N, C-alpha and C. Protein backbone atom coordinates (compact mmCIF):
# COMPACT_ATOMS: atom_id res chain seq x y z
N MET A 1 -57.01 1.81 -26.11
CA MET A 1 -55.35 0.99 -26.40
C MET A 1 -56.66 0.25 -27.86
N SER A 2 -56.35 -0.41 -29.09
CA SER A 2 -57.28 -0.57 -29.74
C SER A 2 -56.16 -1.71 -29.75
N VAL A 3 -56.66 -2.61 -30.70
CA VAL A 3 -56.44 -4.18 -31.37
C VAL A 3 -56.07 -4.38 -32.18
N TYR A 4 -55.06 -4.39 -33.14
CA TYR A 4 -55.21 -4.72 -34.63
C TYR A 4 -54.18 -6.02 -35.20
N ILE A 5 -55.31 -6.62 -36.24
CA ILE A 5 -54.90 -8.52 -36.10
C ILE A 5 -54.09 -7.72 -36.98
N THR A 6 -52.73 -9.03 -37.49
CA THR A 6 -52.10 -8.62 -37.95
C THR A 6 -52.25 -8.58 -39.75
N LYS A 7 -51.62 -8.92 -40.63
CA LYS A 7 -52.08 -9.92 -41.63
C LYS A 7 -50.50 -10.26 -42.18
N GLN A 8 -50.35 -11.23 -43.91
CA GLN A 8 -48.89 -11.86 -43.65
C GLN A 8 -48.01 -11.17 -44.20
N GLY A 9 -46.85 -10.96 -43.80
CA GLY A 9 -45.77 -9.93 -43.88
C GLY A 9 -45.95 -9.36 -43.30
N ASP A 10 -46.98 -8.54 -42.61
CA ASP A 10 -46.44 -7.37 -40.86
C ASP A 10 -45.11 -7.18 -40.65
N MET A 11 -44.57 -6.05 -40.39
CA MET A 11 -43.12 -5.75 -39.60
C MET A 11 -43.42 -4.87 -38.25
N TRP A 12 -42.77 -4.32 -38.04
CA TRP A 12 -42.91 -3.72 -36.64
C TRP A 12 -43.09 -2.36 -37.46
N ASP A 13 -41.77 -2.02 -37.82
CA ASP A 13 -42.22 -0.59 -38.62
C ASP A 13 -42.93 -0.37 -39.29
N THR A 14 -43.76 -0.87 -40.63
CA THR A 14 -44.93 -0.98 -41.42
C THR A 14 -45.86 -0.75 -41.12
N ILE A 15 -46.08 -2.19 -39.25
CA ILE A 15 -47.21 -0.91 -38.14
C ILE A 15 -46.94 0.01 -37.74
N ALA A 16 -46.08 0.51 -36.99
CA ALA A 16 -46.17 1.70 -36.39
C ALA A 16 -46.65 2.82 -37.68
N TYR A 17 -45.61 2.45 -39.16
CA TYR A 17 -45.62 3.82 -39.83
C TYR A 17 -47.47 3.92 -40.70
N ASN A 18 -47.55 2.69 -40.84
CA ASN A 18 -49.05 3.09 -40.53
C ASN A 18 -50.33 3.10 -40.13
N LEU A 19 -50.57 2.67 -38.76
CA LEU A 19 -51.41 2.68 -37.99
C LEU A 19 -50.50 4.43 -36.84
N LEU A 20 -49.75 4.49 -36.15
CA LEU A 20 -49.49 5.26 -35.36
C LEU A 20 -48.88 7.00 -36.23
N GLY A 21 -48.24 6.47 -37.31
CA GLY A 21 -47.23 7.61 -37.86
C GLY A 21 -47.02 7.64 -38.41
N SER A 22 -45.28 7.07 -37.36
CA SER A 22 -44.13 7.30 -37.88
C SER A 22 -43.21 5.61 -37.43
N THR A 23 -42.51 5.61 -38.03
CA THR A 23 -41.34 4.34 -37.33
C THR A 23 -40.80 4.50 -36.35
N SER A 24 -40.22 5.30 -35.28
CA SER A 24 -40.01 5.51 -34.07
C SER A 24 -41.24 5.29 -33.36
N ARG A 25 -42.17 5.26 -34.33
CA ARG A 25 -43.20 4.75 -32.11
C ARG A 25 -43.13 2.92 -32.63
N VAL A 26 -41.98 2.29 -33.38
CA VAL A 26 -42.03 1.10 -32.77
C VAL A 26 -41.85 0.23 -31.49
N GLY A 27 -40.98 1.26 -30.67
CA GLY A 27 -40.84 1.67 -29.87
C GLY A 27 -42.35 1.17 -28.77
N ASP A 28 -43.00 1.57 -29.16
CA ASP A 28 -44.22 1.79 -27.91
C ASP A 28 -44.90 0.51 -28.20
N LEU A 29 -45.26 -0.07 -29.81
CA LEU A 29 -45.94 -1.09 -29.87
C LEU A 29 -45.30 -1.86 -29.53
N LEU A 30 -43.55 -2.38 -29.25
CA LEU A 30 -43.07 -3.46 -28.86
C LEU A 30 -42.93 -3.28 -27.33
N SER A 31 -43.71 -2.11 -26.35
CA SER A 31 -43.48 -2.80 -24.58
C SER A 31 -44.92 -2.39 -24.43
N ILE A 32 -45.07 -3.25 -25.25
CA ILE A 32 -47.44 -2.62 -24.90
C ILE A 32 -47.12 -5.14 -25.58
N ASN A 33 -46.50 -4.82 -25.97
CA ASN A 33 -46.43 -6.91 -26.84
C ASN A 33 -45.54 -7.50 -26.71
N ALA A 34 -44.59 -6.94 -26.02
CA ALA A 34 -43.26 -7.79 -25.00
C ALA A 34 -42.97 -9.22 -26.02
N ASP A 35 -44.06 -9.90 -25.05
CA ASP A 35 -43.90 -11.42 -25.43
C ASP A 35 -44.17 -11.65 -26.64
N LEU A 36 -44.44 -10.44 -28.40
CA LEU A 36 -43.87 -10.75 -29.49
C LEU A 36 -42.86 -10.38 -29.96
N ALA A 37 -42.56 -9.75 -29.11
CA ALA A 37 -41.17 -8.42 -29.08
C ALA A 37 -39.53 -9.77 -30.35
N GLY A 38 -39.35 -10.43 -30.00
CA GLY A 38 -38.76 -11.81 -30.76
C GLY A 38 -39.64 -11.83 -31.96
N THR A 39 -40.18 -11.70 -32.64
CA THR A 39 -41.27 -11.46 -34.17
C THR A 39 -40.80 -10.31 -34.42
N TYR A 40 -40.11 -10.96 -36.17
CA TYR A 40 -39.99 -10.55 -37.31
C TYR A 40 -40.51 -10.16 -38.12
N VAL A 41 -41.32 -10.83 -38.62
CA VAL A 41 -42.53 -10.64 -39.74
C VAL A 41 -43.08 -11.70 -39.02
N PHE A 42 -44.63 -10.79 -39.26
CA PHE A 42 -45.58 -11.72 -38.72
C PHE A 42 -46.30 -11.95 -39.78
N PRO A 43 -46.93 -14.01 -39.36
CA PRO A 43 -48.44 -14.01 -39.47
C PRO A 43 -49.08 -14.12 -39.76
N ALA A 44 -50.33 -14.51 -40.21
CA ALA A 44 -51.93 -12.91 -40.41
C ALA A 44 -52.52 -13.90 -38.72
N GLY A 45 -53.17 -12.84 -38.10
CA GLY A 45 -54.24 -13.35 -37.55
C GLY A 45 -53.12 -12.79 -35.95
N VAL A 46 -52.24 -12.33 -36.18
CA VAL A 46 -52.06 -11.22 -34.07
C VAL A 46 -52.37 -10.65 -33.89
N GLU A 47 -53.42 -10.56 -32.96
CA GLU A 47 -53.43 -9.19 -32.41
C GLU A 47 -52.47 -8.92 -31.61
N LEU A 48 -52.09 -7.71 -32.26
CA LEU A 48 -50.94 -6.59 -30.84
C LEU A 48 -51.80 -5.75 -30.59
N GLU A 49 -51.94 -5.05 -29.10
CA GLU A 49 -52.19 -3.69 -28.98
C GLU A 49 -51.75 -2.87 -29.44
N VAL A 50 -52.32 -1.94 -29.27
CA VAL A 50 -51.65 -0.01 -30.44
C VAL A 50 -52.03 0.77 -29.33
N PRO A 51 -50.85 1.16 -29.11
CA PRO A 51 -51.49 2.02 -27.19
C PRO A 51 -52.50 3.41 -29.24
N GLU A 52 -53.19 4.34 -27.70
CA GLU A 52 -54.52 5.18 -27.93
C GLU A 52 -52.82 6.50 -28.46
N GLY A 53 -53.42 7.59 -28.35
CA GLY A 53 -52.56 8.77 -28.71
C GLY A 53 -52.21 8.69 -30.09
N PRO A 54 -51.73 10.46 -30.57
CA PRO A 54 -51.75 10.68 -31.38
C PRO A 54 -50.71 10.56 -32.68
N ALA A 55 -51.47 10.02 -33.98
CA ALA A 55 -50.92 9.34 -34.97
C ALA A 55 -49.87 10.65 -35.30
N TYR A 56 -49.15 10.78 -36.12
CA TYR A 56 -48.44 11.89 -36.49
C TYR A 56 -46.79 11.93 -37.64
N SER A 57 -46.97 13.10 -38.84
CA SER A 57 -45.88 12.35 -39.77
C SER A 57 -46.14 13.17 -40.50
N THR A 58 -44.67 13.09 -40.34
CA THR A 58 -43.50 14.45 -40.97
C THR A 58 -43.40 13.86 -42.60
N PRO A 59 -42.87 14.63 -43.07
CA PRO A 59 -42.15 14.40 -44.02
C PRO A 59 -41.07 13.17 -44.33
N ASN A 60 -39.92 13.65 -43.06
CA ASN A 60 -39.10 12.62 -42.83
C ASN A 60 -38.69 11.39 -42.00
N SER A 61 -40.36 11.18 -41.77
CA SER A 61 -41.29 9.94 -40.90
C SER A 61 -40.53 8.58 -41.84
N LEU A 62 -40.76 9.07 -43.16
CA LEU A 62 -40.21 7.26 -43.45
C LEU A 62 -38.93 6.96 -43.57
N PRO A 63 -38.54 5.94 -43.16
CA PRO A 63 -37.43 5.15 -43.39
C PRO A 63 -36.75 5.15 -44.41
N PRO A 64 -35.50 5.66 -44.50
CA PRO A 64 -34.33 5.65 -45.67
C PRO A 64 -35.08 5.50 -47.17
N TRP A 65 -35.16 3.65 -47.19
CA TRP A 65 -35.82 2.94 -48.20
C TRP A 65 -36.99 3.10 -48.90
N LYS A 66 -37.55 4.10 -48.55
CA LYS A 66 -39.03 4.51 -49.38
C LYS A 66 -39.79 5.80 -49.04
N GLN A 67 -38.01 6.17 -48.50
CA GLN A 67 -38.46 7.48 -49.36
C GLN A 67 -38.23 7.95 -50.36
N VAL A 68 -38.72 8.94 -50.85
CA VAL A 68 -37.90 9.01 -53.12
C VAL A 68 -36.72 10.27 -53.06
N ALA A 69 -35.99 10.20 -54.13
CA ALA A 69 -34.57 10.74 -53.65
C ALA A 69 -35.33 11.91 -54.99
N GLY A 70 -35.64 13.69 -54.66
CA GLY A 70 -35.31 13.95 -55.30
C GLY A 70 -34.65 14.08 -57.24
């Protein structure tokens, strides 16, 4: 397990995407950091545990608001 220190404005989905390669990994982060599950937008300096495992990314792993329309 590794640790991530949040930056002001971090949110679960962006943390999951940036560190684990997909927003679908939010559940993994939440299960490990259950005490912070009620936090939606993080202040700076919060320590989160990050699960080990392969980061992955597919063309459709971006949330719809971040996908570029063709």
